[in-house]
PDB file of N, CA and C in Angstrom:
ATOM      1  N   MET A   1      11.329-116.750 127.680  1.00  0.00           N
ATOM      2  CA  MET A   1      11.939-117.642 127.332  1.00  0.00           C
ATOM      3  C   MET A   1      11.566-118.932 127.016  1.00  0.00           C
ATOM      4  N   VAL A   2      11.063-118.794 127.835  1.00  0.00           N
ATOM      5  CA  VAL A   2      10.142-120.660 128.355  1.00  0.00           C
ATOM      6  C   VAL A   2       9.716-120.882 126.966  1.00  0.00           C
ATOM      7  N   LEU A   3       8.538-119.786 127.069  1.00  0.00           N
ATOM      8  CA  LEU A   3       8.020-120.189 125.471  1.00  0.00           C
ATOM      9  C   LEU A   3       8.757-119.198 123.943  1.00  0.00           C
ATOM     10  N   ALA A   4       9.461-118.854 123.959  1.00  0.00           N
ATOM     11  CA  ALA A   4      10.425-119.037 122.399  1.00  0.00           C
ATOM     12  C   ALA A   4      11.871-120.631 122.563  1.00  0.00           C
ATOM     13  N   ILE A   5      11.650-120.876 123.498  1.00  0.00           N
ATOM     14  CA  ILE A   5      12.904-121.752 123.903  1.00  0.00           C
ATOM     15  C   ILE A   5      11.938-123.645 123.435  1.00  0.00           C
ATOM     16  N   SER A   6      11.392-123.324 125.000  1.00  0.00           N
ATOM     17  CA  SER A   6      10.465-125.082 124.751  1.00  0.00           C
ATOM     18  C   SER A   6       9.218-125.087 122.945  1.00  0.00           C
ATOM     19  N   PHE A   7       8.361-124.451 122.952  1.00  0.00           N
ATOM     20  CA  PHE A   7       8.096-124.212 121.955  1.00  0.00           C
ATOM     21  C   PHE A   7       8.432-123.631 120.511  1.00  0.00           C
ATOM     22  N   LEU A   8       8.880-122.994 120.249  1.00  0.00           N
ATOM     23  CA  LEU A   8       9.656-122.690 119.123  1.00  0.00           C
ATOM     24  C   LEU A   8      10.850-123.264 118.959  1.00  0.00           C
ATOM     25  N   GLU A   9      11.562-122.831 119.470  1.00  0.00           N
ATOM     26  CA  GLU A   9      13.193-123.595 118.915  1.00  0.00           C
ATOM     27  C   GLU A   9      13.181-124.933 118.982  1.00  0.00           C
ATOM     28  N   ALA A  10      12.496-125.724 120.088  1.00  0.00           N
ATOM     29  CA  ALA A  10      12.932-127.008 120.831  1.00  0.00           C
ATOM     30  C   ALA A  10      11.943-127.933 119.190  1.00  0.00           C
ATOM     31  N   PRO A  11      10.915-127.298 118.833  1.00  0.00           N
ATOM     32  CA  PRO A  11      10.500-128.179 117.526  1.00  0.00           C
ATOM     33  C   PRO A  11      11.096-128.028 116.265  1.00  0.00           C
ATOM     34  N   LEU A  12      11.219-126.564 116.058  1.00  0.00           N
ATOM     35  CA  LEU A  12      11.520-126.172 114.530  1.00  0.00           C
ATOM     36  C   LEU A  12      13.299-126.498 114.303  1.00  0.00           C
ATOM     37  N   LYS A  13      14.549-126.664 115.250  1.00  0.00           N
ATOM     38  CA  LYS A  13      15.316-126.828 114.610  1.00  0.00           C
ATOM     39  C   LYS A  13      15.500-128.257 114.006  1.00  0.00           C
ATOM     40  N   PHE A  14      14.830-129.359 114.532  1.00  0.00           N
ATOM     41  CA  PHE A  14      14.578-130.350 113.985  1.00  0.00           C
ATOM     42  C   PHE A  14      13.886-130.545 112.535  1.00  0.00           C
ATOM     43  N   ARG A  15      13.388-129.637 111.900  1.00  0.00           N
ATOM     44  CA  ARG A  15      13.053-129.416 110.544  1.00  0.00           C
ATOM     45  C   ARG A  15      13.969-128.761 110.251  1.00  0.00           C
ATOM     46  N   ALA A  16      15.332-127.663 110.456  1.00  0.00           N
ATOM     47  CA  ALA A  16      16.046-127.327 109.717  1.00  0.00           C
ATOM     48  C   ALA A  16      16.634-127.871 108.393  1.00  0.00           C
ATOM     49  N   PRO A  17      17.008-127.708 107.661  1.00  0.00           N
ATOM     50  CA  PRO A  17      18.015-128.405 107.189  1.00  0.00           C
ATOM     51  C   PRO A  17      19.316-129.081 106.935  1.00  0.00           C
ATOM     52  N   GLY A  18      19.855-129.937 106.896  1.00  0.00           N
ATOM     53  CA  GLY A  18      20.601-130.488 107.297  1.00  0.00           C
ATOM     54  C   GLY A  18      20.866-130.708 109.192  1.00  0.00           C
ATOM     55  N   VAL A  19      19.940-130.704 110.018  1.00  0.00           N
ATOM     56  CA  VAL A  19      19.828-131.147 111.361  1.00  0.00           C
ATOM     57  C   VAL A  19      19.739-132.235 111.418  1.00  0.00           C
ATOM     58  N   THR A  20      20.929-132.989 111.716  1.00  0.00           N
ATOM     59  CA  THR A  20      20.323-134.480 111.657  1.00  0.00           C
ATOM     60  C   THR A  20      19.864-134.323 113.746  1.00  0.00           C
ATOM     61  N   LEU A  21      19.342-135.840 114.062  1.00  0.00           N
ATOM     62  CA  LEU A  21      19.070-135.984 115.384  1.00  0.00           C
ATOM     63  C   LEU A  21      20.583-136.095 116.821  1.00  0.00           C
ATOM     64  N   PRO A  22      21.088-136.475 115.673  1.00  0.00           N
ATOM     65  CA  PRO A  22      22.757-136.511 117.127  1.00  0.00           C
ATOM     66  C   PRO A  22      22.756-135.071 117.344  1.00  0.00           C
ATOM     67  N   LEU A  23      22.935-133.908 115.991  1.00  0.00           N
ATOM     68  CA  LEU A  23      22.589-132.628 116.434  1.00  0.00           C
ATOM     69  C   LEU A  23      22.173-131.847 117.077  1.00  0.00           C
ATOM     70  N   GLY A  24      20.468-132.402 116.352  1.00  0.00           N
ATOM     71  CA  GLY A  24      19.229-131.700 117.107  1.00  0.00           C
ATOM     72  C   GLY A  24      19.696-131.484 118.968  1.00  0.00           C
ATOM     73  N   LEU A  25      19.890-133.296 118.940  1.00  0.00           N
ATOM     74  CA  LEU A  25      19.994-132.994 120.697  1.00  0.00           C
ATOM     75  C   LEU A  25      21.228-132.495 121.468  1.00  0.00           C
ATOM     76  N   GLY A  26      22.179-132.483 120.479  1.00  0.00           N
ATOM     77  CA  GLY A  26      23.319-131.764 121.417  1.00  0.00           C
ATOM     78  C   GLY A  26      23.173-130.194 121.280  1.00  0.00           C
ATOM     79  N   ILE A  27      22.817-129.462 120.680  1.00  0.00           N
ATOM     80  CA  ILE A  27      21.842-128.357 120.543  1.00  0.00           C
ATOM     81  C   ILE A  27      20.813-128.468 121.916  1.00  0.00           C
ATOM     82  N   GLY A  28      20.160-128.760 121.321  1.00  0.00           N
ATOM     83  CA  GLY A  28      19.104-128.547 122.940  1.00  0.00           C
ATOM     84  C   GLY A  28      19.717-129.645 124.018  1.00  0.00           C
ATOM     85  N   ARG A  29      20.333-129.912 124.311  1.00  0.00           N
ATOM     86  CA  ARG A  29      20.780-129.972 125.428  1.00  0.00           C
ATOM     87  C   ARG A  29      21.678-129.077 126.320  1.00  0.00           C
ATOM     88  N   LEU A  30      22.464-128.645 125.559  1.00  0.00           N
ATOM     89  CA  LEU A  30      22.716-126.690 125.837  1.00  0.00           C
ATOM     90  C   LEU A  30      21.739-125.996 126.160  1.00  0.00           C
ATOM     91  N   VAL A  31      21.180-126.071 124.955  1.00  0.00           N
ATOM     92  CA  VAL A  31      19.803-125.165 125.280  1.00  0.00           C
ATOM     93  C   VAL A  31      18.991-124.968 125.921  1.00  0.00           C
ATOM     94  N   PHE A  32      18.413-126.024 126.992  1.00  0.00           N
ATOM     95  CA  PHE A  32      18.293-126.243 127.503  1.00  0.00           C
ATOM     96  C   PHE A  32      18.375-125.998 128.958  1.00  0.00           C
ATOM     97  N   ARG A  33      20.425-126.591 129.352  1.00  0.00           N
ATOM     98  CA  ARG A  33      21.065-126.379 130.168  1.00  0.00           C
ATOM     99  C   ARG A  33      20.840-124.882 130.609  1.00  0.00           C
ATOM    100  N   ALA A  34      20.888-123.661 129.279  1.00  0.00           N
ATOM    101  CA  ALA A  34      21.333-122.503 129.479  1.00  0.00           C
ATOM    102  C   ALA A  34      19.829-122.170 130.303  1.00  0.00           C
ATOM    103  N   LEU A  35      18.458-122.645 129.597  1.00  0.00           N
ATOM    104  CA  LEU A  35      17.448-122.393 129.607  1.00  0.00           C
ATOM    105  C   LEU A  35      16.954-122.233 131.679  1.00  0.00           C
ATOM    106  N   ASN A  36      17.436-123.538 131.568  1.00  0.00           N
ATOM    107  CA  ASN A  36      17.285-124.173 133.240  1.00  0.00           C
ATOM    108  C   ASN A  36      18.154-123.182 134.399  1.00  0.00           C
ATOM    109  N   ALA A  37      19.472-123.293 133.572  1.00  0.00           N
ATOM    110  CA  ALA A  37      20.354-122.359 134.719  1.00  0.00           C
ATOM    111  C   ALA A  37      19.540-121.113 134.859  1.00  0.00           C
ATOM    112  N   VAL A  38      19.305-120.348 134.219  1.00  0.00           N
ATOM    113  CA  VAL A  38      18.439-118.817 134.397  1.00  0.00           C
ATOM    114  C   VAL A  38      17.130-118.967 135.027  1.00  0.00           C
ATOM    115  N   GLU A  39      16.316-120.064 134.629  1.00  0.00           N
ATOM    116  CA  GLU A  39      14.962-120.369 135.454  1.00  0.00           C
ATOM    117  C   GLU A  39      15.690-120.457 136.684  1.00  0.00           C
ATOM    118  N   ALA A  40      16.270-120.824 137.313  1.00  0.00           N
ATOM    119  CA  ALA A  40      16.894-121.563 138.609  1.00  0.00           C
ATOM    120  C   ALA A  40      17.234-120.000 139.457  1.00  0.00           C
ATOM    121  N   VAL A  41      17.944-119.211 138.507  1.00  0.00           N
ATOM    122  CA  VAL A  41      18.561-118.365 139.111  1.00  0.00           C
ATOM    123  C   VAL A  41      17.387-117.419 139.587  1.00  0.00           C
ATOM    124  N   LEU A  42      16.330-116.824 138.064  1.00  0.00           N
ATOM    125  CA  LEU A  42      15.194-116.008 138.827  1.00  0.00           C
ATOM    126  C   LEU A  42      14.081-116.816 138.950  1.00  0.00           C
ATOM    127  N   ALA A  43      13.998-118.213 139.439  1.00  0.00           N
ATOM    128  CA  ALA A  43      13.702-118.568 141.035  1.00  0.00           C
ATOM    129  C   ALA A  43      14.337-118.140 142.053  1.00  0.00           C
ATOM    130  N   VAL A  44      14.996-117.975 142.364  1.00  0.00           N
ATOM    131  CA  VAL A  44      16.062-117.588 143.376  1.00  0.00           C
ATOM    132  C   VAL A  44      15.711-116.315 143.213  1.00  0.00           C
ATOM    133  N   VAL A  45      15.697-115.289 142.919  1.00  0.00           N
ATOM    134  CA  VAL A  45      15.157-113.835 142.348  1.00  0.00           C
ATOM    135  C   VAL A  45      13.295-113.326 142.834  1.00  0.00           C
ATOM    136  N   LEU A  46      12.868-114.817 142.198  1.00  0.00           N
ATOM    137  CA  LEU A  46      11.513-114.352 142.508  1.00  0.00           C
ATOM    138  C   LEU A  46      10.833-114.570 143.708  1.00  0.00           C
ATOM    139  N   VAL A  47      11.304-116.125 144.696  1.00  0.00           N
ATOM    140  CA  VAL A  47      11.321-115.997 146.028  1.00  0.00           C
ATOM    141  C   VAL A  47      11.423-114.707 146.722  1.00  0.00           C
ATOM    142  N   THR A  48      12.824-115.076 146.743  1.00  0.00           N
ATOM    143  CA  THR A  48      13.637-113.636 147.387  1.00  0.00           C
ATOM    144  C   THR A  48      12.423-112.114 147.171  1.00  0.00           C
ATOM    145  N   ALA A  49      12.159-112.196 146.714  1.00  0.00           N
ATOM    146  CA  ALA A  49      11.300-110.583 146.143  1.00  0.00           C
ATOM    147  C   ALA A  49       9.810-111.618 147.004  1.00  0.00           C
ATOM    148  N   VAL A  50       9.399-112.385 146.854  1.00  0.00           N
ATOM    149  CA  VAL A  50       7.956-112.365 147.190  1.00  0.00           C
ATOM    150  C   VAL A  50       7.790-112.468 148.211  1.00  0.00           C
ATOM    151  N   VAL A  51       9.256-113.319 149.106  1.00  0.00           N
ATOM    152  CA  VAL A  51       9.794-113.266 150.552  1.00  0.00           C
ATOM    153  C   VAL A  51       9.315-111.978 151.232  1.00  0.00           C
ATOM    154  N   ARG A  52      10.183-111.347 150.521  1.00  0.00           N
ATOM    155  CA  ARG A  52      10.442-109.696 150.974  1.00  0.00           C
ATOM    156  C   ARG A  52       9.044-108.755 150.977  1.00  0.00           C
ATOM    157  N   ALA A  53       7.744-109.135 150.073  1.00  0.00           N
ATOM    158  CA  ALA A  53       6.893-108.631 149.960  1.00  0.00           C
ATOM    159  C   ALA A  53       5.709-108.637 151.026  1.00  0.00           C
ATOM    160  N   ALA A  54       5.422-109.547 151.681  1.00  0.00           N
ATOM    161  CA  ALA A  54       4.292-109.803 153.043  1.00  0.00           C
ATOM    162  C   ALA A  54       3.269-110.222 151.695  1.00  0.00           C
ATOM    163  N   PRO A  55       3.116-111.305 151.184  1.00  0.00           N
ATOM    164  CA  PRO A  55       2.598-111.924 150.206  1.00  0.00           C
ATOM    165  C   PRO A  55       1.169-112.146 150.209  1.00  0.00           C
ATOM    166  N   THR A  56       0.368-112.272 149.911  1.00  0.00           N
ATOM    167  CA  THR A  56      -0.633-112.749 149.911  1.00  0.00           C
ATOM    168  C   THR A  56      -0.940-114.166 149.342  1.00  0.00           C
ATOM    169  N   VAL A  57      -1.802-114.848 150.192  1.00  0.00           N
ATOM    170  CA  VAL A  57      -2.096-116.492 149.940  1.00  0.00           C
ATOM    171  C   VAL A  57      -1.616-116.834 148.733  1.00  0.00           C
ATOM    172  N   PRO A  58      -2.681-115.889 147.335  1.00  0.00           N
ATOM    173  CA  PRO A  58      -2.500-116.819 146.108  1.00  0.00           C
ATOM    174  C   PRO A  58      -1.275-116.313 145.582  1.00  0.00           C
ATOM    175  N   VAL A  59      -0.376-115.502 145.808  1.00  0.00           N
ATOM    176  CA  VAL A  59       0.817-115.272 145.586  1.00  0.00           C
ATOM    177  C   VAL A  59       1.893-116.353 145.587  1.00  0.00           C
ATOM    178  N   VAL A  60       1.725-116.611 146.705  1.00  0.00           N
ATOM    179  CA  VAL A  60       2.126-117.816 147.777  1.00  0.00           C
ATOM    180  C   VAL A  60       2.214-119.530 146.790  1.00  0.00           C
ATOM    181  N   ALA A  61       0.959-119.301 146.871  1.00  0.00           N
ATOM    182  CA  ALA A  61       0.738-120.481 145.892  1.00  0.00           C
ATOM    183  C   ALA A  61       0.990-120.572 144.624  1.00  0.00           C
ATOM    184  N   LEU A  62       1.298-119.586 144.243  1.00  0.00           N
ATOM    185  CA  LEU A  62       1.595-119.676 142.714  1.00  0.00           C
ATOM    186  C   LEU A  62       3.017-119.279 142.696  1.00  0.00           C
ATOM    187  N   THR A  63       3.413-118.955 143.538  1.00  0.00           N
ATOM    188  CA  THR A  63       4.912-119.524 143.399  1.00  0.00           C
ATOM    189  C   THR A  63       5.389-120.363 144.124  1.00  0.00           C
ATOM    190  N   VAL A  64       4.885-120.569 144.829  1.00  0.00           N
ATOM    191  CA  VAL A  64       5.138-122.144 145.207  1.00  0.00           C
ATOM    192  C   VAL A  64       5.488-123.358 143.849  1.00  0.00           C
ATOM    193  N   LEU A  65       4.024-123.150 143.080  1.00  0.00           N
ATOM    194  CA  LEU A  65       3.775-123.879 141.944  1.00  0.00           C
ATOM    195  C   LEU A  65       4.849-124.163 140.675  1.00  0.00           C
ATOM    196  N   ALA A  66       5.049-122.739 141.208  1.00  0.00           N
ATOM    197  CA  ALA A  66       6.194-122.334 139.617  1.00  0.00           C
ATOM    198  C   ALA A  66       7.442-122.755 139.830  1.00  0.00           C
ATOM    199  N   VAL A  67       7.544-122.270 140.973  1.00  0.00           N
ATOM    200  CA  VAL A  67       9.000-123.241 141.709  1.00  0.00           C
ATOM    201  C   VAL A  67       8.868-125.120 141.709  1.00  0.00           C
ATOM    202  N   LEU A  68       8.028-125.447 141.880  1.00  0.00           N
ATOM    203  CA  LEU A  68       7.771-126.719 142.126  1.00  0.00           C
ATOM    204  C   LEU A  68       7.754-127.546 141.172  1.00  0.00           C
ATOM    205  N   LEU A  69       7.335-126.533 139.862  1.00  0.00           N
ATOM    206  CA  LEU A  69       7.039-127.404 138.816  1.00  0.00           C
ATOM    207  C   LEU A  69       8.441-127.325 138.306  1.00  0.00           C
ATOM    208  N   LEU A  70       9.318-126.518 138.319  1.00  0.00           N
ATOM    209  CA  LEU A  70      10.669-126.433 137.713  1.00  0.00           C
ATOM    210  C   LEU A  70      11.634-127.175 138.558  1.00  0.00           C
ATOM    211  N   ALA A  71      11.455-127.334 139.854  1.00  0.00           N
ATOM    212  CA  ALA A  71      12.242-128.501 140.831  1.00  0.00           C
ATOM    213  C   ALA A  71      11.577-130.057 139.900  1.00  0.00           C
ATOM    214  N   ILE A  72      10.557-130.084 139.396  1.00  0.00           N
ATOM    215  CA  ILE A  72      10.536-131.454 138.649  1.00  0.00           C
ATOM    216  C   ILE A  72      10.940-131.906 137.666  1.00  0.00           C
ATOM    217  N   GLN A  73      11.074-130.205 136.713  1.00  0.00           N
ATOM    218  CA  GLN A  73      11.791-130.765 136.027  1.00  0.00           C
ATOM    219  C   GLN A  73      12.997-130.760 135.659  1.00  0.00           C
ATOM    220  N   LEU A  74      13.724-130.788 137.201  1.00  0.00           N
ATOM    221  CA  LEU A  74      15.445-130.702 137.000  1.00  0.00           C
ATOM    222  C   LEU A  74      15.918-131.853 137.546  1.00  0.00           C
ATOM    223  N   ALA A  75      14.825-131.947 138.626  1.00  0.00           N
ATOM    224  CA  ALA A  75      15.179-133.127 139.046  1.00  0.00           C
ATOM    225  C   ALA A  75      15.087-134.411 139.123  1.00  0.00           C
ATOM    226  N   ALA A  76      13.904-134.226 138.426  1.00  0.00           N
ATOM    227  CA  ALA A  76      12.821-135.823 137.653  1.00  0.00           C
ATOM    228  C   ALA A  76      12.901-135.899 136.193  1.00  0.00           C
ATOM    229  N   VAL A  77      12.465-135.165 135.488  1.00  0.00           N
ATOM    230  CA  VAL A  77      12.680-134.991 134.043  1.00  0.00           C
ATOM    231  C   VAL A  77      13.826-135.128 132.843  1.00  0.00           C
ATOM    232  N   ARG A  78      14.499-133.931 133.628  1.00  0.00           N
ATOM    233  CA  ARG A  78      15.690-134.180 132.888  1.00  0.00           C
ATOM    234  C   ARG A  78      16.186-134.634 133.018  1.00  0.00           C
ATOM    235  N   PRO A  79      16.890-135.055 134.197  1.00  0.00           N
ATOM    236  CA  PRO A  79      17.633-136.723 134.228  1.00  0.00           C
ATOM    237  C   PRO A  79      17.256-137.416 133.195  1.00  0.00           C
ATOM    238  N   VAL A  80      15.881-138.001 133.442  1.00  0.00           N
ATOM    239  CA  VAL A  80      15.323-138.961 132.498  1.00  0.00           C
ATOM    240  C   VAL A  80      15.717-138.838 130.750  1.00  0.00           C
ATOM    241  N   LEU A  81      15.605-137.623 130.024  1.00  0.00           N
ATOM    242  CA  LEU A  81      16.186-136.913 129.153  1.00  0.00           C
ATOM    243  C   LEU A  81      16.795-136.953 128.939  1.00  0.00           C
ATOM    244  N   ASN A  82      18.001-136.780 129.595  1.00  0.00           N
ATOM    245  CA  ASN A  82      19.509-136.692 129.377  1.00  0.00           C
ATOM    246  C   ASN A  82      20.192-138.054 129.343  1.00  0.00           C
ATOM    247  N   ARG A  83      19.581-139.035 130.183  1.00  0.00           N
ATOM    248  CA  ARG A  83      19.862-140.393 129.491  1.00  0.00           C
ATOM    249  C   ARG A  83      19.297-140.770 128.560  1.00  0.00           C
ATOM    250  N   ARG A  84      18.326-140.344 128.157  1.00  0.00           N
ATOM    251  CA  ARG A  84      17.959-140.918 126.600  1.00  0.00           C
ATOM    252  C   ARG A  84      18.516-140.662 125.480  1.00  0.00           C
ATOM    253  N   SER A  85      18.761-139.220 125.582  1.00  0.00           N
ATOM    254  CA  SER A  85      19.946-138.857 124.332  1.00  0.00           C
ATOM    255  C   SER A  85      21.103-139.127 124.341  1.00  0.00           C
ATOM    256  N   ASP A  86      21.379-139.111 125.480  1.00  0.00           N
ATOM    257  CA  ASP A  86      22.675-139.836 125.179  1.00  0.00           C
ATOM    258  C   ASP A  86      22.981-141.749 125.129  1.00  0.00           C
ATOM    259  N   ARG A  87      22.205-142.096 125.479  1.00  0.00           N
ATOM    260  CA  ARG A  87      22.140-143.429 123.947  1.00  0.00           C
ATOM    261  C   ARG A  87      21.889-143.091 122.991  1.00  0.00           C
ATOM    262  N   VAL A  88      21.213-142.056 123.027  1.00  0.00           N
ATOM    263  CA  VAL A  88      20.592-141.894 121.090  1.00  0.00           C
ATOM    264  C   VAL A  88      21.637-141.826 119.914  1.00  0.00           C
ATOM    265  N   LEU A  89      22.467-140.838 121.244  1.00  0.00           N
ATOM    266  CA  LEU A  89      23.704-139.797 120.715  1.00  0.00           C
ATOM    267  C   LEU A  89      24.871-141.372 120.748  1.00  0.00           C
ATOM    268  N   ALA A  90      24.742-142.393 121.415  1.00  0.00           N
ATOM    269  CA  ALA A  90      25.439-143.506 121.481  1.00  0.00           C
ATOM    270  C   ALA A  90      25.184-144.461 120.259  1.00  0.00           C
ATOM    271  N   GLY A  91      23.837-144.060 119.791  1.00  0.00           N
ATOM    272  CA  GLY A  91      24.198-144.501 118.570  1.00  0.00           C
ATOM    273  C   GLY A  91      22.444-145.712 118.438  1.00  0.00           C
ATOM    274  N   GLU A  92      21.730-145.516 120.003  1.00  0.00           N
ATOM    275  CA  GLU A  92      21.002-146.960 120.073  1.00  0.00           C
ATOM    276  C   GLU A  92      19.494-146.052 119.063  1.00  0.00           C
ATOM    277  N   THR A  93      18.692-147.233 119.114  1.00  0.00           N
ATOM    278  CA  THR A  93      17.712-146.552 118.338  1.00  0.00           C
ATOM    279  C   THR A  93      16.064-146.971 119.184  1.00  0.00           C
ATOM    280  N   LEU A  94      15.993-146.289 119.794  1.00  0.00           N
ATOM    281  CA  LEU A  94      15.165-146.193 121.248  1.00  0.00           C
ATOM    282  C   LEU A  94      13.152-145.839 120.612  1.00  0.00           C
ATOM    283  N   PRO A  95      12.575-146.168 121.082  1.00  0.00           N
ATOM    284  CA  PRO A  95      10.790-145.925 121.025  1.00  0.00           C
ATOM    285  C   PRO A  95      10.924-144.593 121.670  1.00  0.00           C
ATOM    286  N   ARG A  96       9.668-144.099 120.864  1.00  0.00           N
ATOM    287  CA  ARG A  96       9.476-142.263 121.328  1.00  0.00           C
ATOM    288  C   ARG A  96       9.017-142.613 122.685  1.00  0.00           C
ATOM    289  N   SER A  97       9.504-141.720 123.412  1.00  0.00           N
ATOM    290  CA  SER A  97       9.259-141.416 124.954  1.00  0.00           C
ATOM    291  C   SER A  97       8.344-140.358 125.845  1.00  0.00           C
ATOM    292  N   ARG A  98       7.895-140.831 126.489  1.00  0.00           N
ATOM    293  CA  ARG A  98       7.086-140.124 127.041  1.00  0.00           C
ATOM    294  C   ARG A  98       7.364-138.958 128.188  1.00  0.00           C
ATOM    295  N   ALA A  99       9.025-139.313 128.816  1.00  0.00           N
ATOM    296  CA  ALA A  99       9.105-138.269 129.193  1.00  0.00           C
ATOM    297  C   ALA A  99       9.333-136.652 128.369  1.00  0.00           C
ATOM    298  N   HIS A 100       9.092-136.483 127.408  1.00  0.00           N
ATOM    299  CA  HIS A 100       9.591-135.747 126.654  1.00  0.00           C
ATOM    300  C   HIS A 100       7.759-134.780 126.977  1.00  0.00           C
ATOM    301  N   LEU A 101       6.877-135.344 126.982  1.00  0.00           N
ATOM    302  CA  LEU A 101       5.522-134.722 127.359  1.00  0.00           C
ATOM    303  C   LEU A 101       5.058-134.223 128.963  1.00  0.00           C
ATOM    304  N   TYR A 102       5.398-134.896 129.523  1.00  0.00           N
ATOM    305  CA  TYR A 102       6.308-134.823 130.782  1.00  0.00           C
ATOM    306  C   TYR A 102       6.062-133.365 131.079  1.00  0.00           C
ATOM    307  N   TYR A 103       8.043-133.228 130.535  1.00  0.00           N
ATOM    308  CA  TYR A 103       8.729-131.745 130.055  1.00  0.00           C
ATOM    309  C   TYR A 103       7.406-130.970 129.987  1.00  0.00           C
ATOM    310  N   VAL A 104       6.706-130.550 128.559  1.00  0.00           N
ATOM    311  CA  VAL A 104       5.764-130.583 128.279  1.00  0.00           C
ATOM    312  C   VAL A 104       5.024-129.639 129.682  1.00  0.00           C
ATOM    313  N   ALA A 105       4.082-130.506 129.605  1.00  0.00           N
ATOM    314  CA  ALA A 105       3.336-130.494 130.890  1.00  0.00           C
ATOM    315  C   ALA A 105       3.649-129.866 131.600  1.00  0.00           C
ATOM    316  N   CYS A 106       4.933-130.166 132.174  1.00  0.00           N
ATOM    317  CA  CYS A 106       5.773-129.463 133.155  1.00  0.00           C
ATOM    318  C   CYS A 106       5.847-127.564 132.852  1.00  0.00           C
ATOM    319  N   GLU A 107       6.373-127.489 131.306  1.00  0.00           N
ATOM    320  CA  GLU A 107       6.422-126.539 130.661  1.00  0.00           C
ATOM    321  C   GLU A 107       5.709-125.582 130.716  1.00  0.00           C
ATOM    322  N   LEU A 108       3.913-126.269 130.239  1.00  0.00           N
ATOM    323  CA  LEU A 108       2.523-125.695 129.742  1.00  0.00           C
ATOM    324  C   LEU A 108       2.154-125.218 131.013  1.00  0.00           C
ATOM    325  N   ALA A 109       2.207-125.964 132.385  1.00  0.00           N
ATOM    326  CA  ALA A 109       1.817-125.612 133.677  1.00  0.00           C
ATOM    327  C   ALA A 109       2.556-124.394 134.348  1.00  0.00           C
ATOM    328  N   LYS A 110       3.745-124.437 134.122  1.00  0.00           N
ATOM    329  CA  LYS A 110       4.952-123.663 134.678  1.00  0.00           C
ATOM    330  C   LYS A 110       4.712-122.549 134.237  1.00  0.00           C
ATOM    331  N   VAL A 111       3.899-121.655 132.687  1.00  0.00           N
ATOM    332  CA  VAL A 111       4.234-120.753 131.879  1.00  0.00           C
ATOM    333  C   VAL A 111       2.622-119.877 133.037  1.00  0.00           C
ATOM    334  N   ALA A 112       1.201-121.175 132.374  1.00  0.00           N
ATOM    335  CA  ALA A 112       0.363-120.754 133.159  1.00  0.00           C
ATOM    336  C   ALA A 112       0.388-120.183 134.802  1.00  0.00           C
ATOM    337  N   ALA A 113       1.473-121.081 135.078  1.00  0.00           N
ATOM    338  CA  ALA A 113       1.670-120.241 136.819  1.00  0.00           C
ATOM    339  C   ALA A 113       2.052-119.070 136.946  1.00  0.00           C
ATOM    340  N   LEU A 114       3.230-118.635 135.966  1.00  0.00           N
ATOM    341  CA  LEU A 114       3.624-117.640 135.776  1.00  0.00           C
ATOM    342  C   LEU A 114       3.185-116.439 134.937  1.00  0.00           C
ATOM    343  N   LEU A 115       2.257-116.361 134.621  1.00  0.00           N
ATOM    344  CA  LEU A 115       1.127-115.978 134.340  1.00  0.00           C
ATOM    345  C   LEU A 115       0.323-115.266 134.603  1.00  0.00           C
ATOM    346  N   ALA A 116      -0.327-116.554 136.306  1.00  0.00           N
ATOM    347  CA  ALA A 116      -1.567-116.066 136.987  1.00  0.00           C
ATOM    348  C   ALA A 116      -0.509-115.104 138.337  1.00  0.00           C
ATOM    349  N   LEU A 117       0.341-115.588 138.494  1.00  0.00           N
ATOM    350  CA  LEU A 117       0.982-115.240 139.047  1.00  0.00           C
ATOM    351  C   LEU A 117       1.281-113.364 139.095  1.00  0.00           C
ATOM    352  N   GLY A 118       1.553-113.081 137.660  1.00  0.00           N
ATOM    353  CA  GLY A 118       1.389-112.122 137.620  1.00  0.00           C
ATOM    354  C   GLY A 118       0.568-110.694 136.806  1.00  0.00           C
ATOM    355  N   VAL A 119      -0.844-111.418 136.347  1.00  0.00           N
ATOM    356  CA  VAL A 119      -2.046-111.372 136.586  1.00  0.00           C
ATOM    357  C   VAL A 119      -2.991-110.382 138.058  1.00  0.00           C
ATOM    358  N   THR A 120      -2.040-111.709 139.433  1.00  0.00           N
ATOM    359  CA  THR A 120      -2.558-111.338 140.697  1.00  0.00           C
ATOM    360  C   THR A 120      -1.349-110.431 141.357  1.00  0.00           C
ATOM    361  N   VAL A 121      -0.070-110.455 140.694  1.00  0.00           N
ATOM    362  CA  VAL A 121       0.702-109.879 141.753  1.00  0.00           C
ATOM    363  C   VAL A 121       0.091-107.728 141.039  1.00  0.00           C
ATOM    364  N   LEU A 122      -0.069-107.661 139.758  1.00  0.00           N
ATOM    365  CA  LEU A 122      -0.723-106.405 139.137  1.00  0.00           C
ATOM    366  C   LEU A 122      -1.693-105.928 139.494  1.00  0.00           C
ATOM    367  N   GLY A 123      -2.885-106.877 139.814  1.00  0.00           N
ATOM    368  CA  GLY A 123      -4.069-107.056 139.916  1.00  0.00           C
ATOM    369  C   GLY A 123      -5.047-106.505 138.685  1.00  0.00           C
ATOM    370  N   PRO A 124      -6.393-106.155 139.045  1.00  0.00           N
ATOM    371  CA  PRO A 124      -7.112-105.634 137.883  1.00  0.00           C
ATOM    372  C   PRO A 124      -6.599-103.980 137.692  1.00  0.00           C
ATOM    373  N   VAL A 125      -6.873-104.158 136.315  1.00  0.00           N
ATOM    374  CA  VAL A 125      -6.256-103.212 135.473  1.00  0.00           C
ATOM    375  C   VAL A 125      -7.680-101.826 135.143  1.00  0.00           C
ATOM    376  N   ALA A 126      -7.605-101.408 135.288  1.00  0.00           N
ATOM    377  CA  ALA A 126      -8.944-100.100 134.328  1.00  0.00           C
ATOM    378  C   ALA A 126      -9.066 -99.947 134.184  1.00  0.00           C
TER     379      ALA A 126
END
């Protein structure tokens, strides 16, 4: 879901014919709100599964990293992006923001942590 939305849908929607910046921002806010809600639920499921499984140290570390990155996105980066999009939707013209870069960096790190967690849990495949 993260790969499809963050790295495909988000940038491509602004290239679609007729999609204005306000329209794209409005769509993006709805889509990312839904994505983050699903991610939060899945994070709870992941933590519950890991706690119940007598995990190894690497599994705990990767789980904590993935959940921490999601928490940073939700508590620190998303509010900044929401305030910025509110201003743009209100008609302000603003310079480029680094907040998007922080969000993307968290997304990349989160995907890497989740992939590493999957590989660690599955172990070596013969």
